[in-house]
Amino acid sequence: MLNALRRFKFYLKYYLTNHVINNVPFHCLRLYWYRHAVGMKIGARSQIWLGCHFIGDTLDQIEIGQDTTLATGVVINASAPV
């Protein structure tokens, strides 16, 4: 039962990240979600534009450096640490 709850939580976060949050028109809200709900490490002055997708099972291990821009339509595959 605990495994099923963990899987549900993971897939819910995955769905929200790639189908809801990535279309939110406010950059600060997207970054807040990516940093705090997903656990990504995002450097200062970095931007993640609308429509970016994150796939894989290690989203919390994504590190994006300072002054980095991920433009619309970028797909980050986080199947292993990025």
N, C-alpha and C. Protein backbone atom coordinates (compact mmCIF):
# COMPACT_ATOMS: atom_id res chain seq x y z
N MET A 1 0.82 -1.19 0.00
CA MET A 1 0.00 0.00 0.00
C MET A 1 0.87 1.27 0.00
N LEU A 2 1.94 1.24 0.79
CA LEU A 2 2.83 2.39 0.85
C LEU A 2 3.50 2.65 -0.49
N ASN A 3 3.90 1.57 -1.17
CA ASN A 3 4.49 1.72 -2.50
C ASN A 3 3.51 2.34 -3.48
N ALA A 4 2.26 1.93 -3.40
CA ALA A 4 1.24 2.48 -4.30
C ALA A 4 1.05 3.97 -4.04
N LEU A 5 1.09 4.39 -2.79
CA LEU A 5 0.95 5.81 -2.46
C LEU A 5 2.15 6.61 -2.96
N ARG A 6 3.34 6.05 -2.82
CA ARG A 6 4.54 6.73 -3.33
C ARG A 6 4.49 6.89 -4.84
N ARG A 7 4.07 5.83 -5.53
CA ARG A 7 3.95 5.89 -6.99
C ARG A 7 2.91 6.93 -7.40
N PHE A 8 1.76 6.93 -6.69
CA PHE A 8 0.72 7.91 -6.99
C PHE A 8 1.24 9.33 -6.81
N LYS A 9 1.94 9.58 -5.71
CA LYS A 9 2.49 10.90 -5.44
C LYS A 9 3.49 11.30 -6.54
N PHE A 10 4.35 10.37 -6.95
CA PHE A 10 5.33 10.65 -8.01
C PHE A 10 4.62 11.00 -9.32
N TYR A 11 3.64 10.18 -9.72
CA TYR A 11 2.97 10.42 -10.99
C TYR A 11 2.11 11.67 -10.96
N LEU A 12 1.54 12.01 -9.82
CA LEU A 12 0.78 13.25 -9.70
C LEU A 12 1.71 14.46 -9.86
N LYS A 13 2.85 14.42 -9.18
CA LYS A 13 3.82 15.51 -9.30
C LYS A 13 4.34 15.61 -10.74
N TYR A 14 4.61 14.46 -11.35
CA TYR A 14 5.08 14.41 -12.73
C TYR A 14 4.05 15.02 -13.68
N TYR A 15 2.78 14.65 -13.50
CA TYR A 15 1.71 15.17 -14.35
C TYR A 15 1.57 16.68 -14.16
N LEU A 16 1.50 17.13 -12.92
CA LEU A 16 1.35 18.56 -12.65
C LEU A 16 2.52 19.36 -13.23
N THR A 17 3.72 18.83 -13.10
CA THR A 17 4.91 19.52 -13.60
C THR A 17 4.86 19.70 -15.11
N ASN A 18 4.46 18.67 -15.83
CA ASN A 18 4.53 18.69 -17.29
C ASN A 18 3.26 19.09 -18.02
N HIS A 19 2.14 19.17 -17.32
CA HIS A 19 0.89 19.50 -18.00
C HIS A 19 0.16 20.69 -17.40
N VAL A 20 0.52 21.09 -16.22
CA VAL A 20 -0.13 22.25 -15.59
C VAL A 20 0.89 23.36 -15.35
N ILE A 21 1.89 23.06 -14.53
CA ILE A 21 2.86 24.08 -14.13
C ILE A 21 3.62 24.63 -15.33
N ASN A 22 3.98 23.80 -16.29
CA ASN A 22 4.77 24.30 -17.42
C ASN A 22 3.98 25.25 -18.32
N ASN A 23 2.68 25.39 -18.06
CA ASN A 23 1.85 26.34 -18.81
C ASN A 23 1.41 27.54 -17.98
N VAL A 24 1.87 27.62 -16.74
CA VAL A 24 1.55 28.77 -15.89
C VAL A 24 2.32 29.98 -16.43
N PRO A 25 1.62 31.09 -16.70
CA PRO A 25 2.30 32.23 -17.34
C PRO A 25 3.18 33.07 -16.41
N PHE A 26 3.32 32.69 -15.15
CA PHE A 26 4.13 33.46 -14.22
C PHE A 26 5.42 32.72 -13.90
N HIS A 27 6.52 33.28 -14.36
CA HIS A 27 7.83 32.64 -14.22
C HIS A 27 8.17 32.32 -12.76
N CYS A 28 7.87 33.26 -11.86
CA CYS A 28 8.22 33.06 -10.45
C CYS A 28 7.46 31.87 -9.85
N LEU A 29 6.22 31.64 -10.27
CA LEU A 29 5.46 30.49 -9.76
C LEU A 29 6.01 29.17 -10.30
N ARG A 30 6.40 29.17 -11.57
CA ARG A 30 7.01 27.95 -12.15
C ARG A 30 8.30 27.62 -11.42
N LEU A 31 9.16 28.62 -11.23
CA LEU A 31 10.43 28.36 -10.54
C LEU A 31 10.20 27.89 -9.11
N TYR A 32 9.22 28.47 -8.44
CA TYR A 32 8.91 28.03 -7.07
C TYR A 32 8.54 26.56 -7.05
N TRP A 33 7.68 26.15 -7.99
CA TRP A 33 7.27 24.73 -8.06
C TRP A 33 8.48 23.84 -8.35
N TYR A 34 9.27 24.21 -9.36
CA TYR A 34 10.40 23.37 -9.73
C TYR A 34 11.40 23.23 -8.58
N ARG A 35 11.62 24.31 -7.86
CA ARG A 35 12.59 24.27 -6.75
C ARG A 35 12.04 23.55 -5.52
N HIS A 36 10.83 23.87 -5.11
CA HIS A 36 10.32 23.40 -3.82
C HIS A 36 9.49 22.12 -3.89
N ALA A 37 8.66 21.98 -4.91
CA ALA A 37 7.84 20.78 -5.01
C ALA A 37 8.60 19.64 -5.68
N VAL A 38 9.38 19.97 -6.72
CA VAL A 38 10.10 18.93 -7.46
C VAL A 38 11.49 18.69 -6.87
N GLY A 39 12.14 19.73 -6.38
CA GLY A 39 13.46 19.58 -5.77
C GLY A 39 14.62 19.87 -6.70
N MET A 40 14.35 20.52 -7.83
CA MET A 40 15.43 20.88 -8.75
C MET A 40 16.30 21.98 -8.12
N LYS A 41 17.56 21.97 -8.49
CA LYS A 41 18.47 23.03 -8.07
C LYS A 41 18.64 23.96 -9.26
N ILE A 42 18.17 25.19 -9.11
CA ILE A 42 18.16 26.14 -10.22
C ILE A 42 18.97 27.37 -9.80
N GLY A 43 19.96 27.72 -10.59
CA GLY A 43 20.85 28.82 -10.27
C GLY A 43 20.20 30.19 -10.40
N ALA A 44 20.87 31.17 -9.86
CA ALA A 44 20.39 32.55 -9.90
C ALA A 44 20.26 33.04 -11.33
N ARG A 45 19.27 33.85 -11.58
CA ARG A 45 19.01 34.48 -12.87
C ARG A 45 18.75 33.48 -13.99
N SER A 46 18.39 32.26 -13.66
CA SER A 46 18.04 31.26 -14.67
C SER A 46 16.56 31.37 -15.00
N GLN A 47 16.22 30.97 -16.21
CA GLN A 47 14.84 31.06 -16.68
C GLN A 47 14.41 29.72 -17.26
N ILE A 48 13.19 29.36 -16.98
CA ILE A 48 12.57 28.18 -17.60
C ILE A 48 11.29 28.69 -18.24
N TRP A 49 11.27 28.74 -19.54
CA TRP A 49 10.14 29.32 -20.26
C TRP A 49 8.97 28.36 -20.29
N LEU A 50 7.84 28.87 -20.74
CA LEU A 50 6.63 28.06 -20.88
C LEU A 50 6.87 26.86 -21.80
N GLY A 51 6.25 25.75 -21.49
CA GLY A 51 6.28 24.60 -22.39
C GLY A 51 7.48 23.68 -22.26
N CYS A 52 8.34 23.86 -21.27
CA CYS A 52 9.45 22.93 -21.07
C CYS A 52 8.93 21.66 -20.42
N HIS A 53 9.48 20.53 -20.83
CA HIS A 53 9.06 19.24 -20.29
C HIS A 53 10.24 18.55 -19.61
N PHE A 54 9.95 17.89 -18.52
CA PHE A 54 10.95 17.14 -17.76
C PHE A 54 10.48 15.71 -17.68
N ILE A 55 11.27 14.79 -18.23
CA ILE A 55 10.88 13.38 -18.21
C ILE A 55 11.93 12.58 -17.44
N GLY A 56 11.52 11.44 -16.94
CA GLY A 56 12.43 10.58 -16.20
C GLY A 56 12.01 10.48 -14.74
N ASP A 57 12.73 9.68 -14.00
CA ASP A 57 12.35 9.42 -12.61
C ASP A 57 13.29 10.06 -11.60
N THR A 58 14.21 10.90 -12.04
CA THR A 58 15.11 11.57 -11.11
C THR A 58 15.04 13.10 -11.28
N LEU A 59 13.83 13.62 -11.36
CA LEU A 59 13.65 15.06 -11.55
C LEU A 59 14.28 15.87 -10.43
N ASP A 60 14.29 15.29 -9.23
CA ASP A 60 14.85 16.01 -8.08
C ASP A 60 16.37 16.13 -8.14
N GLN A 61 17.01 15.46 -9.10
CA GLN A 61 18.46 15.55 -9.23
C GLN A 61 18.91 16.48 -10.35
N ILE A 62 17.97 17.17 -10.96
CA ILE A 62 18.30 18.11 -12.02
C ILE A 62 18.95 19.35 -11.41
N GLU A 63 20.07 19.77 -11.99
CA GLU A 63 20.75 20.99 -11.58
C GLU A 63 20.91 21.88 -12.80
N ILE A 64 20.40 23.10 -12.70
CA ILE A 64 20.48 24.07 -13.78
C ILE A 64 21.34 25.22 -13.28
N GLY A 65 22.41 25.53 -13.99
CA GLY A 65 23.37 26.53 -13.55
C GLY A 65 22.86 27.96 -13.61
N GLN A 66 23.70 28.87 -13.13
CA GLN A 66 23.37 30.29 -13.14
C GLN A 66 23.26 30.82 -14.57
N ASP A 67 22.38 31.81 -14.74
CA ASP A 67 22.22 32.50 -16.02
C ASP A 67 21.91 31.56 -17.18
N THR A 68 21.17 30.50 -16.90
CA THR A 68 20.80 29.52 -17.92
C THR A 68 19.35 29.75 -18.33
N THR A 69 19.07 29.62 -19.63
CA THR A 69 17.71 29.75 -20.12
C THR A 69 17.32 28.47 -20.83
N LEU A 70 16.19 27.89 -20.41
CA LEU A 70 15.59 26.76 -21.11
C LEU A 70 14.41 27.32 -21.88
N ALA A 71 14.52 27.32 -23.20
CA ALA A 71 13.51 27.95 -24.05
C ALA A 71 12.29 27.05 -24.22
N THR A 72 11.25 27.61 -24.80
CA THR A 72 10.01 26.89 -25.03
C THR A 72 10.27 25.61 -25.82
N GLY A 73 9.68 24.52 -25.36
CA GLY A 73 9.78 23.25 -26.06
C GLY A 73 10.96 22.39 -25.69
N VAL A 74 11.82 22.84 -24.81
CA VAL A 74 12.98 22.05 -24.39
C VAL A 74 12.49 20.83 -23.61
N VAL A 75 13.12 19.69 -23.84
CA VAL A 75 12.83 18.46 -23.10
C VAL A 75 14.08 18.05 -22.38
N ILE A 76 14.01 17.94 -21.05
CA ILE A 76 15.12 17.48 -20.23
C ILE A 76 14.82 16.05 -19.82
N ASN A 77 15.69 15.13 -20.18
CA ASN A 77 15.54 13.71 -19.81
C ASN A 77 16.35 13.46 -18.54
N ALA A 78 15.65 13.23 -17.46
CA ALA A 78 16.30 13.01 -16.17
C ALA A 78 16.20 11.55 -15.77
N SER A 79 16.62 10.67 -16.65
CA SER A 79 16.64 9.24 -16.33
C SER A 79 17.82 8.89 -15.46
N ALA A 80 18.81 9.74 -15.44
CA ALA A 80 19.99 9.63 -14.58
C ALA A 80 20.33 11.05 -14.16
N PRO A 81 21.18 11.23 -13.18
CA PRO A 81 21.51 12.60 -12.76
C PRO A 81 21.96 13.48 -13.93
N VAL A 82 21.43 14.69 -13.98
CA VAL A 82 21.75 15.63 -15.06
C VAL A 82 22.56 16.77 -14.48
